[in-house]
Amino acid sequence: MVYEHKDGGPTLTFAEPGPGPGAVSAVERLTHGIRRLWPLVRPLSAEAVVGCLDRETGYPDTGVKPQRPHWFLHDRAAARPTGPQALDVVDPWHVDPVVEPVPELSAEVIAAWLERAEAQASPAPGTHDVGWKDLWCNATRALLPRPYAPDATPHVALDVAEARRVANVPVQRRGGTAWVAGPTREMRGLGARAPITLHASDFGRVELAVSANWSLWSEDGSPGRAALTGVARNLVADGWCVVHGTEFFHELA
């Protein structure tokens, strides 16, 4: 049986490459990282905190805030659950977010959404620019390891960490591959996390954290773990560096 890690799974955190000859925005750097992860994990929702960056230092200033600091984006089709196994992705953490449903998320959709959030007027236009600070993707779709997902498998039986009960999470077939997504309504009721979650931040440099919340992507020697370390190596090949997680994912040390 697949089990969920209690208090979140082991996490790999990457820091963006150093500045190159052509400076690009933090949104573009984040989009690049998400695109590299796309073969393994695809967000179904994204929640952002937007702040005001001191123009001299480039760091967020907690004393200056934009009018709309909280933004939430989600897959429209996963917002109206019709049964326990239906996706239920809309659950913003922050107060009074700007909520935007879209037909389907992609790295480019997330980038355009963040750029709209950053386009709001700065309360201190002479000294501060509006920019995203944190981004969470707590509802996702993750690629199932091929040996685990034969054609006859209708669902993954997930041993939920907090409830000590089993949630049956449907297997989705997309373009000849098998995926599993969450949270479903049943998962949310039991307190279960999505299979893989993402958190990005920009406090002077972009960092991107990937958490393997289910054992399918964390067990040593498993196909899922190999898939996760494979996309990690693609990021490293692009100049990102691993700043946390090699004590667990020792293959990347």
C-alpha atoms as a PDB file:
ATOM      1  CA  MET A   1       0.000   0.000   0.000  1.00  0.00           C
ATOM      2  CA  VAL A   2       1.087   3.568  -0.667  1.00  0.00           C
ATOM      3  CA  TYR A   3       1.526   5.609   2.493  1.00  0.00           C
ATOM      4  CA  GLU A   4       1.502   9.340   3.125  1.00  0.00           C
ATOM      5  CA  HIS A   5       4.356  10.906   5.071  1.00  0.00           C
ATOM      6  CA  LYS A   6       3.257  12.541   8.296  1.00  0.00           C
ATOM      7  CA  ASP A   7       3.805  16.337   8.426  1.00  0.00           C
ATOM      8  CA  GLY A   8       4.744  16.461   4.751  1.00  0.00           C
ATOM      9  CA  GLY A   9       7.190  14.386   2.781  1.00  0.00           C
ATOM     10  CA  PRO A  10      10.937  14.736   2.175  1.00  0.00           C
ATOM     11  CA  THR A  11      11.689  17.909   0.269  1.00  0.00           C
ATOM     12  CA  LEU A  12      14.205  18.894  -2.377  1.00  0.00           C
ATOM     13  CA  THR A  13      14.863  22.634  -2.544  1.00  0.00           C
ATOM     14  CA  PHE A  14      16.591  24.261  -5.512  1.00  0.00           C
ATOM     15  CA  ALA A  15      18.051  27.742  -5.862  1.00  0.00           C
ATOM     16  CA  GLU A  16      17.999  29.484  -9.211  1.00  0.00           C
ATOM     17  CA  PRO A  17      21.122  29.864 -11.346  1.00  0.00           C
ATOM     18  CA  GLY A  18      23.266  32.933 -10.831  1.00  0.00           C
ATOM     19  CA  PRO A  19      22.552  36.012 -12.961  1.00  0.00           C
ATOM     20  CA  GLY A  20      23.423  35.514 -16.619  1.00  0.00           C
ATOM     21  CA  PRO A  21      24.220  37.959 -19.399  1.00  0.00           C
ATOM     22  CA  GLY A  22      20.540  38.721 -20.035  1.00  0.00           C
ATOM     23  CA  ALA A  23      18.643  39.409 -16.820  1.00  0.00           C
ATOM     24  CA  VAL A  24      15.151  37.888 -16.687  1.00  0.00           C
ATOM     25  CA  SER A  25      12.367  38.487 -14.203  1.00  0.00           C
ATOM     26  CA  ALA A  26      11.681  36.352 -11.149  1.00  0.00           C
ATOM     27  CA  VAL A  27       8.449  35.217 -12.812  1.00  0.00           C
ATOM     28  CA  GLU A  28      10.384  33.971 -15.844  1.00  0.00           C
ATOM     29  CA  ARG A  29      12.913  32.170 -13.648  1.00  0.00           C
ATOM     30  CA  LEU A  30      10.115  30.499 -11.679  1.00  0.00           C
ATOM     31  CA  THR A  31       8.295  29.551 -14.886  1.00  0.00           C
ATOM     32  CA  HIS A  32      11.436  27.848 -16.142  1.00  0.00           C
ATOM     33  CA  GLY A  33      11.645  25.748 -12.976  1.00  0.00           C
ATOM     34  CA  ILE A  34       7.977  24.726 -13.125  1.00  0.00           C
ATOM     35  CA  ARG A  35       8.312  23.810 -16.784  1.00  0.00           C
ATOM     36  CA  ARG A  36      11.256  21.533 -15.967  1.00  0.00           C
ATOM     37  CA  LEU A  37       9.113  19.737 -13.358  1.00  0.00           C
ATOM     38  CA  TRP A  38       6.118  19.412 -15.706  1.00  0.00           C
ATOM     39  CA  PRO A  39       6.856  15.822 -16.891  1.00  0.00           C
ATOM     40  CA  LEU A  40       6.430  14.678 -13.253  1.00  0.00           C
ATOM     41  CA  VAL A  41       4.136  17.119 -11.426  1.00  0.00           C
ATOM     42  CA  ARG A  42       1.499  19.565 -12.717  1.00  0.00           C
ATOM     43  CA  PRO A  43      -0.226  22.114 -10.480  1.00  0.00           C
ATOM     44  CA  LEU A  44      -4.013  22.165 -10.279  1.00  0.00           C
ATOM     45  CA  SER A  45      -3.990  25.290  -8.131  1.00  0.00           C
ATOM     46  CA  ALA A  46      -1.550  28.017  -7.164  1.00  0.00           C
ATOM     47  CA  GLU A  47      -1.647  30.511  -4.311  1.00  0.00           C
ATOM     48  CA  ALA A  48       0.602  33.556  -4.249  1.00  0.00           C
ATOM     49  CA  VAL A  49       1.550  36.224  -1.743  1.00  0.00           C
ATOM     50  CA  VAL A  50       2.512  39.474  -3.442  1.00  0.00           C
ATOM     51  CA  GLY A  51       4.549  42.148  -1.681  1.00  0.00           C
ATOM     52  CA  CYS A  52       6.450  45.352  -2.297  1.00  0.00           C
ATOM     53  CA  LEU A  53      10.135  45.073  -3.127  1.00  0.00           C
ATOM     54  CA  ASP A  54      12.555  47.770  -2.070  1.00  0.00           C
ATOM     55  CA  ARG A  55      14.021  49.015  -5.339  1.00  0.00           C
ATOM     56  CA  GLU A  56      17.505  49.454  -3.869  1.00  0.00           C
ATOM     57  CA  THR A  57      17.830  46.039  -2.234  1.00  0.00           C
ATOM     58  CA  GLY A  58      15.367  43.954  -4.237  1.00  0.00           C
ATOM     59  CA  TYR A  59      14.022  42.454  -1.003  1.00  0.00           C
ATOM     60  CA  PRO A  60      10.389  42.544   0.184  1.00  0.00           C
ATOM     61  CA  ASP A  61       9.561  45.307   2.642  1.00  0.00           C
ATOM     62  CA  THR A  62       7.055  44.076   5.241  1.00  0.00           C
ATOM     63  CA  GLY A  63       6.125  47.659   6.078  1.00  0.00           C
ATOM     64  CA  VAL A  64       4.771  48.362   2.587  1.00  0.00           C
ATOM     65  CA  LYS A  65       1.961  46.233   1.159  1.00  0.00           C
ATOM     66  CA  PRO A  66       0.009  46.284  -2.102  1.00  0.00           C
ATOM     67  CA  GLN A  67      -3.765  46.620  -2.052  1.00  0.00           C
ATOM     68  CA  ARG A  68      -4.333  42.982  -3.084  1.00  0.00           C
ATOM     69  CA  PRO A  69      -1.551  40.818  -1.615  1.00  0.00           C
ATOM     70  CA  HIS A  70      -3.268  37.403  -1.916  1.00  0.00           C
ATOM     71  CA  TRP A  71      -3.992  35.641  -5.213  1.00  0.00           C
ATOM     72  CA  PHE A  72      -5.414  32.180  -5.944  1.00  0.00           C
ATOM     73  CA  LEU A  73      -5.547  30.380  -9.295  1.00  0.00           C
ATOM     74  CA  HIS A  74      -7.202  27.024  -9.909  1.00  0.00           C
ATOM     75  CA  ASP A  75      -8.315  24.517 -12.508  1.00  0.00           C
ATOM     76  CA  ARG A  76     -12.008  25.255 -13.047  1.00  0.00           C
ATOM     77  CA  ALA A  77     -12.959  21.616 -13.635  1.00  0.00           C
ATOM     78  CA  ALA A  78     -11.531  20.534 -10.266  1.00  0.00           C
ATOM     79  CA  ALA A  79     -13.549  22.996  -8.216  1.00  0.00           C
ATOM     80  CA  ARG A  80     -16.980  21.360  -8.030  1.00  0.00           C
ATOM     81  CA  PRO A  81     -16.644  17.873  -6.540  1.00  0.00           C
ATOM     82  CA  THR A  82     -19.516  15.535  -7.335  1.00  0.00           C
ATOM     83  CA  GLY A  83     -18.435  12.620  -5.122  1.00  0.00           C
ATOM     84  CA  PRO A  84     -15.784  11.471  -2.612  1.00  0.00           C
ATOM     85  CA  GLN A  85     -13.228  10.658  -5.320  1.00  0.00           C
ATOM     86  CA  ALA A  86     -13.753  13.909  -7.269  1.00  0.00           C
ATOM     87  CA  LEU A  87     -11.051  16.585  -7.130  1.00  0.00           C
ATOM     88  CA  ASP A  88     -11.587  19.370  -4.595  1.00  0.00           C
ATOM     89  CA  VAL A  89      -8.766  21.869  -5.100  1.00  0.00           C
ATOM     90  CA  VAL A  90     -10.166  25.213  -3.938  1.00  0.00           C
ATOM     91  CA  ASP A  91      -9.054  25.976  -0.389  1.00  0.00           C
ATOM     92  CA  PRO A  92      -7.084  29.251  -0.141  1.00  0.00           C
ATOM     93  CA  TRP A  93      -4.988  29.719   2.978  1.00  0.00           C
ATOM     94  CA  HIS A  94      -4.974  33.501   2.952  1.00  0.00           C
ATOM     95  CA  VAL A  95      -7.661  36.063   3.668  1.00  0.00           C
ATOM     96  CA  ASP A  96      -9.710  37.600   0.839  1.00  0.00           C
ATOM     97  CA  PRO A  97      -7.692  36.380  -2.149  1.00  0.00           C
ATOM     98  CA  VAL A  98      -8.253  37.356  -5.749  1.00  0.00           C
ATOM     99  CA  VAL A  99      -9.613  34.031  -7.069  1.00  0.00           C
ATOM    100  CA  GLU A 100      -9.267  33.160 -10.742  1.00  0.00           C
ATOM    101  CA  PRO A 101     -10.511  29.886 -12.294  1.00  0.00           C
ATOM    102  CA  VAL A 102      -8.980  28.838 -15.619  1.00  0.00           C
ATOM    103  CA  PRO A 103      -9.742  25.967 -18.026  1.00  0.00           C
ATOM    104  CA  GLU A 104      -6.357  24.325 -17.392  1.00  0.00           C
ATOM    105  CA  LEU A 105      -3.153  25.339 -15.652  1.00  0.00           C
ATOM    106  CA  SER A 106       0.230  25.416 -17.342  1.00  0.00           C
ATOM    107  CA  ALA A 107       3.542  27.078 -16.576  1.00  0.00           C
ATOM    108  CA  GLU A 108       2.621  29.845 -19.017  1.00  0.00           C
ATOM    109  CA  VAL A 109      -0.814  30.377 -17.409  1.00  0.00           C
ATOM    110  CA  ILE A 110       0.827  30.661 -13.977  1.00  0.00           C
ATOM    111  CA  ALA A 111       3.348  33.165 -15.355  1.00  0.00           C
ATOM    112  CA  ALA A 112       0.669  35.376 -16.917  1.00  0.00           C
ATOM    113  CA  TRP A 113      -1.362  35.243 -13.688  1.00  0.00           C
ATOM    114  CA  LEU A 114       1.625  36.299 -11.563  1.00  0.00           C
ATOM    115  CA  GLU A 115       2.371  39.125 -13.979  1.00  0.00           C
ATOM    116  CA  ARG A 116      -1.220  40.366 -13.557  1.00  0.00           C
ATOM    117  CA  ALA A 117      -0.783  40.250  -9.783  1.00  0.00           C
ATOM    118  CA  GLU A 118       2.426  42.253 -10.069  1.00  0.00           C
ATOM    119  CA  ALA A 119       0.791  44.815 -12.381  1.00  0.00           C
ATOM    120  CA  GLN A 120      -1.238  46.373  -9.547  1.00  0.00           C
ATOM    121  CA  ALA A 121      -0.177  49.844  -8.470  1.00  0.00           C
ATOM    122  CA  SER A 122       2.581  50.169  -5.895  1.00  0.00           C
ATOM    123  CA  PRO A 123       1.609  52.150  -2.765  1.00  0.00           C
ATOM    124  CA  ALA A 124       5.107  53.686  -2.851  1.00  0.00           C
ATOM    125  CA  PRO A 125       5.913  54.014  -6.554  1.00  0.00           C
ATOM    126  CA  GLY A 126       9.010  56.093  -5.963  1.00  0.00           C
ATOM    127  CA  THR A 127      10.796  53.443  -3.914  1.00  0.00           C
ATOM    128  CA  HIS A 128       9.015  50.096  -4.198  1.00  0.00           C
ATOM    129  CA  ASP A 129       7.938  47.714  -6.952  1.00  0.00           C
ATOM    130  CA  VAL A 130       5.205  45.097  -6.628  1.00  0.00           C
ATOM    131  CA  GLY A 131       6.467  41.514  -6.877  1.00  0.00           C
ATOM    132  CA  TRP A 132       5.528  37.990  -5.831  1.00  0.00           C
ATOM    133  CA  LYS A 133       7.165  36.608  -2.666  1.00  0.00           C
ATOM    134  CA  ASP A 134       5.719  33.131  -2.135  1.00  0.00           C
ATOM    135  CA  LEU A 135       3.869  30.620  -4.282  1.00  0.00           C
ATOM    136  CA  TRP A 136       2.259  27.365  -3.110  1.00  0.00           C
ATOM    137  CA  CYS A 137       0.912  24.578  -5.312  1.00  0.00           C
ATOM    138  CA  ASN A 138      -0.956  22.367  -2.844  1.00  0.00           C
ATOM    139  CA  ALA A 139      -3.210  20.651  -5.399  1.00  0.00           C
ATOM    140  CA  THR A 140      -1.340  18.747  -8.079  1.00  0.00           C
ATOM    141  CA  ARG A 141      -1.360  15.892 -10.580  1.00  0.00           C
ATOM    142  CA  ALA A 142       1.668  13.548 -10.432  1.00  0.00           C
ATOM    143  CA  LEU A 143       2.884  10.955 -12.924  1.00  0.00           C
ATOM    144  CA  LEU A 144       2.529   7.405 -11.607  1.00  0.00           C
ATOM    145  CA  PRO A 145       5.580   5.152 -11.959  1.00  0.00           C
ATOM    146  CA  ARG A 146       4.843   2.844 -14.890  1.00  0.00           C
ATOM    147  CA  PRO A 147       5.426  -0.488 -13.101  1.00  0.00           C
ATOM    148  CA  TYR A 148       2.971   0.572 -10.398  1.00  0.00           C
ATOM    149  CA  ALA A 149       0.124   1.500 -12.734  1.00  0.00           C
ATOM    150  CA  PRO A 150      -0.973  -1.409 -14.957  1.00  0.00           C
ATOM    151  CA  ASP A 151      -3.995  -0.762 -17.127  1.00  0.00           C
ATOM    152  CA  ALA A 152      -6.354  -2.561 -14.740  1.00  0.00           C
ATOM    153  CA  THR A 153      -5.524  -0.394 -11.704  1.00  0.00           C
ATOM    154  CA  PRO A 154      -8.547   1.876 -11.038  1.00  0.00           C
ATOM    155  CA  HIS A 155      -7.169   3.694  -7.998  1.00  0.00           C
ATOM    156  CA  VAL A 156      -4.293   4.090  -5.571  1.00  0.00           C
ATOM    157  CA  ALA A 157      -5.029   3.010  -1.992  1.00  0.00           C
ATOM    158  CA  LEU A 158      -3.430   5.745   0.129  1.00  0.00           C
ATOM    159  CA  ASP A 159      -2.752   5.165   3.828  1.00  0.00           C
ATOM    160  CA  VAL A 160      -3.471   8.673   5.185  1.00  0.00           C
ATOM    161  CA  ALA A 161      -0.968   9.760   7.847  1.00  0.00           C
ATOM    162  CA  GLU A 162      -3.208  11.806  10.137  1.00  0.00           C
ATOM    163  CA  ALA A 163      -6.418   9.742  10.018  1.00  0.00           C
ATOM    164  CA  ARG A 164      -4.824   6.280   9.806  1.00  0.00           C
ATOM    165  CA  ARG A 165      -7.450   5.429   7.231  1.00  0.00           C
ATOM    166  CA  VAL A 166      -7.315   4.592   3.535  1.00  0.00           C
ATOM    167  CA  ALA A 167      -8.352   6.982   0.771  1.00  0.00           C
ATOM    168  CA  ASN A 168      -8.979   5.516  -2.690  1.00  0.00           C
ATOM    169  CA  VAL A 169      -7.516   8.012  -5.145  1.00  0.00           C
ATOM    170  CA  PRO A 170      -8.536   7.449  -8.807  1.00  0.00           C
ATOM    171  CA  VAL A 171      -5.916   6.796 -11.468  1.00  0.00           C
ATOM    172  CA  GLN A 172      -6.301   9.153 -14.431  1.00  0.00           C
ATOM    173  CA  ARG A 173      -5.252   8.145 -17.957  1.00  0.00           C
ATOM    174  CA  ARG A 174      -3.869  11.012 -19.996  1.00  0.00           C
ATOM    175  CA  GLY A 175      -2.138  10.548 -23.342  1.00  0.00           C
ATOM    176  CA  GLY A 176      -1.034   6.984 -22.670  1.00  0.00           C
ATOM    177  CA  THR A 177       0.331   7.713 -19.187  1.00  0.00           C
ATOM    178  CA  ALA A 178      -1.144   7.251 -15.707  1.00  0.00           C
ATOM    179  CA  TRP A 179      -1.505  10.085 -13.209  1.00  0.00           C
ATOM    180  CA  VAL A 180      -2.899  10.553  -9.723  1.00  0.00           C
ATOM    181  CA  ALA A 181      -4.237  13.880  -8.471  1.00  0.00           C
ATOM    182  CA  GLY A 182      -5.340  15.448  -5.226  1.00  0.00           C
ATOM    183  CA  PRO A 183      -6.756  16.474  -3.004  1.00  0.00           C
ATOM    184  CA  THR A 184     -10.034  14.748  -3.679  1.00  0.00           C
ATOM    185  CA  ARG A 185     -13.030  15.432  -1.468  1.00  0.00           C
ATOM    186  CA  GLU A 186     -12.261  12.239   0.480  1.00  0.00           C
ATOM    187  CA  MET A 187      -8.600  13.215   0.895  1.00  0.00           C
ATOM    188  CA  ARG A 188      -9.512  16.668   2.143  1.00  0.00           C
ATOM    189  CA  GLY A 189     -11.910  15.162   4.697  1.00  0.00           C
ATOM    190  CA  LEU A 190      -9.120  12.912   6.003  1.00  0.00           C
ATOM    191  CA  GLY A 191      -6.462  15.642   5.982  1.00  0.00           C
ATOM    192  CA  ALA A 192      -4.368  14.051   3.218  1.00  0.00           C
ATOM    193  CA  ARG A 193      -1.926  16.006   1.084  1.00  0.00           C
ATOM    194  CA  ALA A 194      -1.548  15.967  -2.687  1.00  0.00           C
ATOM    195  CA  PRO A 195       1.004  13.434  -3.989  1.00  0.00           C
ATOM    196  CA  ILE A 196       3.700  16.037  -4.648  1.00  0.00           C
ATOM    197  CA  THR A 197       3.479  19.696  -3.631  1.00  0.00           C
ATOM    198  CA  LEU A 198       5.514  22.740  -4.630  1.00  0.00           C
ATOM    199  CA  HIS A 199       6.554  25.911  -2.834  1.00  0.00           C
ATOM    200  CA  ALA A 200       8.488  28.735  -4.464  1.00  0.00           C
ATOM    201  CA  SER A 201       9.846  31.907  -2.879  1.00  0.00           C
ATOM    202  CA  ASP A 202      11.706  35.013  -3.963  1.00  0.00           C
ATOM    203  CA  PHE A 203      13.560  36.743  -1.135  1.00  0.00           C
ATOM    204  CA  GLY A 204      16.539  37.934  -3.118  1.00  0.00           C
ATOM    205  CA  ARG A 205      16.739  34.746  -5.208  1.00  0.00           C
ATOM    206  CA  VAL A 206      14.159  32.294  -6.487  1.00  0.00           C
ATOM    207  CA  GLU A 207      13.989  28.989  -4.605  1.00  0.00           C
ATOM    208  CA  LEU A 208      11.756  26.083  -5.606  1.00  0.00           C
ATOM    209  CA  ALA A 209      10.914  23.255  -3.185  1.00  0.00           C
ATOM    210  CA  VAL A 210       9.451  19.898  -4.252  1.00  0.00           C
ATOM    211  CA  SER A 211       7.884  17.753  -1.498  1.00  0.00           C
ATOM    212  CA  ALA A 212       7.284  14.030  -2.107  1.00  0.00           C
ATOM    213  CA  ASN A 213       4.321  13.524   0.215  1.00  0.00           C
ATOM    214  CA  TRP A 214       3.566   9.923  -0.810  1.00  0.00           C
ATOM    215  CA  SER A 215       5.886   6.926  -0.572  1.00  0.00           C
ATOM    216  CA  LEU A 216       5.635   6.282  -4.325  1.00  0.00           C
ATOM    217  CA  TRP A 217       8.120   9.122  -4.910  1.00  0.00           C
ATOM    218  CA  SER A 218      10.310   8.765  -1.833  1.00  0.00           C
ATOM    219  CA  GLU A 219      11.136   5.078  -1.286  1.00  0.00           C
ATOM    220  CA  ASP A 220      14.782   4.305  -1.988  1.00  0.00           C
ATOM    221  CA  GLY A 221      15.191   2.480  -5.300  1.00  0.00           C
ATOM    222  CA  SER A 222      11.592   3.020  -6.430  1.00  0.00           C
ATOM    223  CA  PRO A 223      10.670   4.091 -10.009  1.00  0.00           C
ATOM    224  CA  GLY A 224       8.876   7.152  -8.644  1.00  0.00           C
ATOM    225  CA  ARG A 225      11.944   8.296  -6.751  1.00  0.00           C
ATOM    226  CA  ALA A 226      14.034   7.781  -9.901  1.00  0.00           C
ATOM    227  CA  ALA A 227      11.569   9.979 -11.817  1.00  0.00           C
ATOM    228  CA  LEU A 228      11.832  12.697  -9.160  1.00  0.00           C
ATOM    229  CA  THR A 229      15.623  12.662  -9.112  1.00  0.00           C
ATOM    230  CA  GLY A 230      15.539  12.669 -12.916  1.00  0.00           C
ATOM    231  CA  VAL A 231      13.727  16.007 -13.113  1.00  0.00           C
ATOM    232  CA  ALA A 232      15.988  17.261 -10.314  1.00  0.00           C
ATOM    233  CA  ARG A 233      19.028  16.476 -12.434  1.00  0.00           C
ATOM    234  CA  ASN A 234      17.463  18.400 -15.327  1.00  0.00           C
ATOM    235  CA  LEU A 235      17.200  21.470 -13.086  1.00  0.00           C
ATOM    236  CA  VAL A 236      20.801  21.039 -11.924  1.00  0.00           C
ATOM    237  CA  ALA A 237      21.932  20.720 -15.542  1.00  0.00           C
ATOM    238  CA  ASP A 238      20.265  24.087 -16.183  1.00  0.00           C
ATOM    239  CA  GLY A 239      22.309  25.700 -13.399  1.00  0.00           C
ATOM    240  CA  TRP A 240      19.960  25.356 -10.423  1.00  0.00           C
ATOM    241  CA  CYS A 241      21.628  24.040  -7.274  1.00  0.00           C
ATOM    242  CA  VAL A 242      20.224  21.755  -4.582  1.00  0.00           C
ATOM    243  CA  VAL A 243      20.282  23.653  -1.282  1.00  0.00           C
ATOM    244  CA  HIS A 244      18.252  21.200   0.819  1.00  0.00           C
ATOM    245  CA  GLY A 245      17.322  17.539   0.683  1.00  0.00           C
ATOM    246  CA  THR A 246      20.447  15.628  -0.286  1.00  0.00           C
ATOM    247  CA  GLU A 247      20.554  14.046   3.179  1.00  0.00           C
ATOM    248  CA  PHE A 248      17.457  12.096   2.104  1.00  0.00           C
ATOM    249  CA  PHE A 249      17.840  12.088  -1.680  1.00  0.00           C
ATOM    250  CA  HIS A 250      21.485  11.005  -1.402  1.00  0.00           C
ATOM    251  CA  GLU A 251      21.711  10.324  -5.154  1.00  0.00           C
ATOM    252  CA  LEU A 252      21.936  14.088  -5.695  1.00  0.00           C
ATOM    253  CA  ALA A 253      24.645  14.756  -3.089  1.00  0.00           C
END
